[in-house]
Amino acid sequence: MPTWKTRGLRGSELEELINRTNEEYREKKLALIQKIPTPITPVEFDKETRTIKLAYFDQKSTVDYIGAVQGIPLCFDAKECAVDTFTLRNIHEHQVQFMKEFEEQGGIAFFLIHYTERESFYYLPFRKLYDFWQRWENGGRRSFRYEETEEKYFITPTGGMYLPYLDAVQKDLDERSN
């Protein structure tokens, strides 16, 4: 049996934590957030196992998740980082543009980053990501360091929630209103 060299399973643990958390939020009627599937077109299909063997992306995907929290539109992307330096190469220009326009329409956009070596989860508000992005566009680093994160946006599992990111969304909202 061939061994596949794929990047497709990276982030699957993080995605599972987010999906379980989203289900709890839905059950508690706190939020309705859905995973956005990446649109693909199958090219080669194994009829016996009913699996796709080869496919291509139909279009660029924007974000991983979209929905609403208590009437507030929300979108975010999930990323994993094995080291203390997060490269902006993991984020595409069309994603930044979509999130910028989403926030201009009154929504909240952010990234959930799993620092795998530290086993920590971080809520990165879009405005902070955009600062890093502009720094890079102006000739600076195309990354940001763990030391540049804000302690208040680290997410700690509490109350039986797998990844209670709504606490960080509330902190983000509070900061916006000040």
C-alpha atoms as a PDB file:
ATOM      1  CA  MET A   1       0.000   0.000   0.000  1.00  0.00           C
ATOM      2  CA  PRO A   2       1.480   3.405  -0.954  1.00  0.00           C
ATOM      3  CA  THR A   3       2.414   5.902   1.713  1.00  0.00           C
ATOM      4  CA  TRP A   4       0.932   9.318   1.030  1.00  0.00           C
ATOM      5  CA  LYS A   5       2.944  12.404   1.809  1.00  0.00           C
ATOM      6  CA  THR A   6       0.219  14.878   2.580  1.00  0.00           C
ATOM      7  CA  ARG A   7      -0.325  18.035   4.554  1.00  0.00           C
ATOM      8  CA  GLY A   8      -4.027  17.240   4.688  1.00  0.00           C
ATOM      9  CA  LEU A   9      -4.111  15.821   8.209  1.00  0.00           C
ATOM     10  CA  ARG A  10      -2.254  18.692   9.809  1.00  0.00           C
ATOM     11  CA  GLY A  11      -4.585  20.551  12.094  1.00  0.00           C
ATOM     12  CA  SER A  12      -7.104  17.701  12.300  1.00  0.00           C
ATOM     13  CA  GLU A  13      -6.770  17.556  16.109  1.00  0.00           C
ATOM     14  CA  LEU A  14      -7.316  21.300  16.363  1.00  0.00           C
ATOM     15  CA  GLU A  15     -10.244  21.073  13.963  1.00  0.00           C
ATOM     16  CA  GLU A  16     -11.811  18.307  16.061  1.00  0.00           C
ATOM     17  CA  LEU A  17     -11.521  20.424  19.240  1.00  0.00           C
ATOM     18  CA  ILE A  18     -13.115  23.366  17.457  1.00  0.00           C
ATOM     19  CA  ASN A  19     -15.910  21.234  16.005  1.00  0.00           C
ATOM     20  CA  ARG A  20     -16.744  19.756  19.428  1.00  0.00           C
ATOM     21  CA  THR A  21     -16.692  23.210  21.002  1.00  0.00           C
ATOM     22  CA  ASN A  22     -18.937  24.572  18.256  1.00  0.00           C
ATOM     23  CA  GLU A  23     -21.389  21.747  18.863  1.00  0.00           C
ATOM     24  CA  GLU A  24     -21.500  22.604  22.584  1.00  0.00           C
ATOM     25  CA  TYR A  25     -22.030  26.279  21.768  1.00  0.00           C
ATOM     26  CA  ARG A  26     -24.885  25.306  19.438  1.00  0.00           C
ATOM     27  CA  GLU A  27     -26.497  23.014  22.031  1.00  0.00           C
ATOM     28  CA  LYS A  28     -26.301  25.779  24.656  1.00  0.00           C
ATOM     29  CA  LYS A  29     -27.699  28.256  22.101  1.00  0.00           C
ATOM     30  CA  LEU A  30     -24.667  30.509  22.557  1.00  0.00           C
ATOM     31  CA  ALA A  31     -23.497  30.466  18.946  1.00  0.00           C
ATOM     32  CA  LEU A  32     -24.047  28.847  15.587  1.00  0.00           C
ATOM     33  CA  ILE A  33     -20.711  28.289  13.857  1.00  0.00           C
ATOM     34  CA  GLN A  34     -20.172  26.012  10.881  1.00  0.00           C
ATOM     35  CA  LYS A  35     -17.101  24.527   9.249  1.00  0.00           C
ATOM     36  CA  ILE A  36     -16.779  25.709   5.659  1.00  0.00           C
ATOM     37  CA  PRO A  37     -15.738  22.795   3.424  1.00  0.00           C
ATOM     38  CA  THR A  38     -13.007  23.478   0.894  1.00  0.00           C
ATOM     39  CA  PRO A  39     -14.584  23.084  -2.541  1.00  0.00           C
ATOM     40  CA  ILE A  40     -12.843  20.377  -4.578  1.00  0.00           C
ATOM     41  CA  THR A  41     -13.430  18.578  -7.851  1.00  0.00           C
ATOM     42  CA  PRO A  42     -12.548  14.876  -7.831  1.00  0.00           C
ATOM     43  CA  VAL A  43     -10.368  13.755 -10.736  1.00  0.00           C
ATOM     44  CA  GLU A  44      -9.770  10.142  -9.782  1.00  0.00           C
ATOM     45  CA  PHE A  45     -12.202   8.084  -7.745  1.00  0.00           C
ATOM     46  CA  ASP A  46     -11.772   4.578  -6.324  1.00  0.00           C
ATOM     47  CA  LYS A  47     -15.167   2.926  -6.875  1.00  0.00           C
ATOM     48  CA  GLU A  48     -14.311  -0.044  -4.683  1.00  0.00           C
ATOM     49  CA  THR A  49     -13.475   1.935  -1.546  1.00  0.00           C
ATOM     50  CA  ARG A  50     -15.637   4.934  -2.524  1.00  0.00           C
ATOM     51  CA  THR A  51     -12.777   7.356  -1.874  1.00  0.00           C
ATOM     52  CA  ILE A  52     -11.325  10.222  -3.815  1.00  0.00           C
ATOM     53  CA  LYS A  53      -7.794   9.419  -4.932  1.00  0.00           C
ATOM     54  CA  LEU A  54      -6.999  12.678  -6.711  1.00  0.00           C
ATOM     55  CA  ALA A  55      -8.728  16.065  -6.706  1.00  0.00           C
ATOM     56  CA  TYR A  56      -8.076  19.734  -7.309  1.00  0.00           C
ATOM     57  CA  PHE A  57      -9.368  22.837  -5.557  1.00  0.00           C
ATOM     58  CA  ASP A  58     -12.243  24.562  -7.348  1.00  0.00           C
ATOM     59  CA  GLN A  59     -11.468  27.954  -5.856  1.00  0.00           C
ATOM     60  CA  LYS A  60      -9.509  29.634  -3.099  1.00  0.00           C
ATOM     61  CA  SER A  61     -11.035  29.068   0.299  1.00  0.00           C
ATOM     62  CA  THR A  62     -11.485  32.061   2.574  1.00  0.00           C
ATOM     63  CA  VAL A  63     -11.897  30.918   6.182  1.00  0.00           C
ATOM     64  CA  ASP A  64     -12.399  27.624   7.987  1.00  0.00           C
ATOM     65  CA  TYR A  65     -15.434  28.665  10.069  1.00  0.00           C
ATOM     66  CA  ILE A  66     -18.252  31.181   9.819  1.00  0.00           C
ATOM     67  CA  GLY A  67     -21.392  31.874  11.833  1.00  0.00           C
ATOM     68  CA  ALA A  68     -22.938  34.101  14.467  1.00  0.00           C
ATOM     69  CA  VAL A  69     -22.574  34.625  18.198  1.00  0.00           C
ATOM     70  CA  GLN A  70     -25.550  36.304  19.846  1.00  0.00           C
ATOM     71  CA  GLY A  71     -26.295  38.147  16.605  1.00  0.00           C
ATOM     72  CA  ILE A  72     -22.674  39.099  15.857  1.00  0.00           C
ATOM     73  CA  PRO A  73     -21.216  37.710  12.597  1.00  0.00           C
ATOM     74  CA  LEU A  74     -18.028  35.752  13.191  1.00  0.00           C
ATOM     75  CA  CYS A  75     -15.429  34.134  10.936  1.00  0.00           C
ATOM     76  CA  PHE A  76     -12.108  32.525  11.728  1.00  0.00           C
ATOM     77  CA  ASP A  77      -9.373  30.291  10.497  1.00  0.00           C
ATOM     78  CA  ALA A  78      -7.513  27.621  12.473  1.00  0.00           C
ATOM     79  CA  LYS A  79      -3.741  27.197  12.208  1.00  0.00           C
ATOM     80  CA  GLU A  80      -1.097  25.075  13.876  1.00  0.00           C
ATOM     81  CA  CYS A  81       2.429  26.153  14.662  1.00  0.00           C
ATOM     82  CA  ALA A  82       5.135  23.773  15.907  1.00  0.00           C
ATOM     83  CA  VAL A  83       7.622  26.503  16.839  1.00  0.00           C
ATOM     84  CA  ASP A  84       7.510  29.893  18.577  1.00  0.00           C
ATOM     85  CA  THR A  85       7.642  31.811  15.303  1.00  0.00           C
ATOM     86  CA  PHE A  86       4.439  31.862  13.261  1.00  0.00           C
ATOM     87  CA  THR A  87       5.121  32.474   9.599  1.00  0.00           C
ATOM     88  CA  LEU A  88       2.645  34.597   7.673  1.00  0.00           C
ATOM     89  CA  ARG A  89       3.205  32.257   4.724  1.00  0.00           C
ATOM     90  CA  ASN A  90       0.504  30.129   6.393  1.00  0.00           C
ATOM     91  CA  ILE A  91      -2.006  32.871   5.607  1.00  0.00           C
ATOM     92  CA  HIS A  92      -2.980  33.882   2.091  1.00  0.00           C
ATOM     93  CA  GLU A  93      -3.605  37.381   0.832  1.00  0.00           C
ATOM     94  CA  HIS A  94      -7.172  36.528  -0.228  1.00  0.00           C
ATOM     95  CA  GLN A  95      -7.898  35.386   3.353  1.00  0.00           C
ATOM     96  CA  VAL A  96      -6.613  38.674   4.752  1.00  0.00           C
ATOM     97  CA  GLN A  97      -8.735  40.612   2.247  1.00  0.00           C
ATOM     98  CA  PHE A  98     -11.854  38.583   3.071  1.00  0.00           C
ATOM     99  CA  MET A  99     -11.387  39.050   6.818  1.00  0.00           C
ATOM    100  CA  LYS A 100     -10.747  42.766   6.382  1.00  0.00           C
ATOM    101  CA  GLU A 101     -13.966  43.160   4.402  1.00  0.00           C
ATOM    102  CA  PHE A 102     -15.823  40.953   6.902  1.00  0.00           C
ATOM    103  CA  GLU A 103     -14.816  43.262   9.752  1.00  0.00           C
ATOM    104  CA  GLU A 104     -15.731  46.331   7.684  1.00  0.00           C
ATOM    105  CA  GLN A 105     -19.246  44.848   7.564  1.00  0.00           C
ATOM    106  CA  GLY A 106     -19.409  44.700  11.378  1.00  0.00           C
ATOM    107  CA  GLY A 107     -18.232  41.131  11.872  1.00  0.00           C
ATOM    108  CA  ILE A 108     -15.452  39.744  14.019  1.00  0.00           C
ATOM    109  CA  ALA A 109     -12.577  37.914  12.321  1.00  0.00           C
ATOM    110  CA  PHE A 110      -9.748  36.076  14.028  1.00  0.00           C
ATOM    111  CA  PHE A 111      -7.367  33.140  13.942  1.00  0.00           C
ATOM    112  CA  LEU A 112      -7.163  30.291  16.438  1.00  0.00           C
ATOM    113  CA  ILE A 113      -3.547  29.176  16.641  1.00  0.00           C
ATOM    114  CA  HIS A 114      -2.421  25.964  18.284  1.00  0.00           C
ATOM    115  CA  TYR A 115       1.197  26.194  19.410  1.00  0.00           C
ATOM    116  CA  THR A 116       1.721  22.444  19.352  1.00  0.00           C
ATOM    117  CA  GLU A 117       5.074  22.291  21.166  1.00  0.00           C
ATOM    118  CA  ARG A 118       3.674  24.379  24.018  1.00  0.00           C
ATOM    119  CA  GLU A 119       0.236  22.742  23.860  1.00  0.00           C
ATOM    120  CA  SER A 120      -1.305  26.204  24.044  1.00  0.00           C
ATOM    121  CA  PHE A 121      -4.121  27.804  22.093  1.00  0.00           C
ATOM    122  CA  TYR A 122      -4.174  31.435  21.067  1.00  0.00           C
ATOM    123  CA  TYR A 123      -6.881  33.768  19.809  1.00  0.00           C
ATOM    124  CA  LEU A 124      -5.313  36.213  17.350  1.00  0.00           C
ATOM    125  CA  PRO A 125      -7.642  39.147  16.630  1.00  0.00           C
ATOM    126  CA  PHE A 126      -7.657  40.075  12.961  1.00  0.00           C
ATOM    127  CA  ARG A 127      -6.507  43.652  13.705  1.00  0.00           C
ATOM    128  CA  LYS A 128      -3.340  42.264  15.332  1.00  0.00           C
ATOM    129  CA  LEU A 129      -2.738  39.893  12.412  1.00  0.00           C
ATOM    130  CA  TYR A 130      -3.251  42.841  10.072  1.00  0.00           C
ATOM    131  CA  ASP A 131      -0.575  44.812  11.976  1.00  0.00           C
ATOM    132  CA  PHE A 132       1.858  41.908  11.465  1.00  0.00           C
ATOM    133  CA  TRP A 133       0.805  41.669   7.805  1.00  0.00           C
ATOM    134  CA  GLN A 134       1.420  45.386   7.194  1.00  0.00           C
ATOM    135  CA  ARG A 135       4.767  45.192   8.995  1.00  0.00           C
ATOM    136  CA  TRP A 136       5.783  42.484   6.523  1.00  0.00           C
ATOM    137  CA  GLU A 137       4.470  44.485   3.532  1.00  0.00           C
ATOM    138  CA  ASN A 138       6.549  47.450   4.720  1.00  0.00           C
ATOM    139  CA  GLY A 139       9.757  45.412   4.656  1.00  0.00           C
ATOM    140  CA  GLY A 140       9.627  43.812   8.103  1.00  0.00           C
ATOM    141  CA  ARG A 141       9.549  40.174   9.154  1.00  0.00           C
ATOM    142  CA  ARG A 142       7.114  37.812   7.480  1.00  0.00           C
ATOM    143  CA  SER A 143       6.340  36.267  10.855  1.00  0.00           C
ATOM    144  CA  PHE A 144       5.560  37.074  14.444  1.00  0.00           C
ATOM    145  CA  ARG A 145       7.008  35.583  17.582  1.00  0.00           C
ATOM    146  CA  TYR A 146       5.307  33.951  20.537  1.00  0.00           C
ATOM    147  CA  GLU A 147       6.625  36.820  22.673  1.00  0.00           C
ATOM    148  CA  GLU A 148       4.522  39.233  20.591  1.00  0.00           C
ATOM    149  CA  THR A 149       1.275  37.557  21.645  1.00  0.00           C
ATOM    150  CA  GLU A 150      -0.950  38.965  24.383  1.00  0.00           C
ATOM    151  CA  GLU A 151      -1.438  36.836  27.493  1.00  0.00           C
ATOM    152  CA  LYS A 152      -5.140  37.720  27.757  1.00  0.00           C
ATOM    153  CA  TYR A 153      -5.883  35.972  24.453  1.00  0.00           C
ATOM    154  CA  PHE A 154      -4.593  32.546  25.417  1.00  0.00           C
ATOM    155  CA  ILE A 155      -7.429  30.036  25.719  1.00  0.00           C
ATOM    156  CA  THR A 156      -7.642  27.635  28.633  1.00  0.00           C
ATOM    157  CA  PRO A 157     -10.132  24.757  28.606  1.00  0.00           C
ATOM    158  CA  THR A 158     -12.663  25.409  31.387  1.00  0.00           C
ATOM    159  CA  GLY A 159     -16.107  24.257  32.415  1.00  0.00           C
ATOM    160  CA  GLY A 160     -15.925  21.123  30.312  1.00  0.00           C
ATOM    161  CA  MET A 161     -15.449  23.123  27.087  1.00  0.00           C
ATOM    162  CA  TYR A 162     -12.776  21.803  24.765  1.00  0.00           C
ATOM    163  CA  LEU A 163     -11.652  25.166  23.421  1.00  0.00           C
ATOM    164  CA  PRO A 164     -13.760  28.003  24.903  1.00  0.00           C
ATOM    165  CA  TYR A 165     -12.822  30.687  22.405  1.00  0.00           C
ATOM    166  CA  LEU A 166     -15.952  32.781  23.062  1.00  0.00           C
ATOM    167  CA  ASP A 167     -14.238  34.116  26.189  1.00  0.00           C
ATOM    168  CA  ALA A 168     -11.539  35.568  23.939  1.00  0.00           C
ATOM    169  CA  VAL A 169     -14.184  36.906  21.530  1.00  0.00           C
ATOM    170  CA  GLN A 170     -15.722  38.761  24.503  1.00  0.00           C
ATOM    171  CA  LYS A 171     -12.317  40.221  25.438  1.00  0.00           C
ATOM    172  CA  ASP A 172     -11.905  41.288  21.804  1.00  0.00           C
ATOM    173  CA  LEU A 173     -15.349  42.953  21.834  1.00  0.00           C
ATOM    174  CA  ASP A 174     -14.583  44.709  25.131  1.00  0.00           C
ATOM    175  CA  GLU A 175     -11.306  46.026  23.722  1.00  0.00           C
ATOM    176  CA  ARG A 176     -13.067  47.324  20.603  1.00  0.00           C
ATOM    177  CA  SER A 177     -15.584  49.275  22.667  1.00  0.00           C
ATOM    178  CA  ASN A 178     -12.880  51.022  24.737  1.00  0.00           C
END
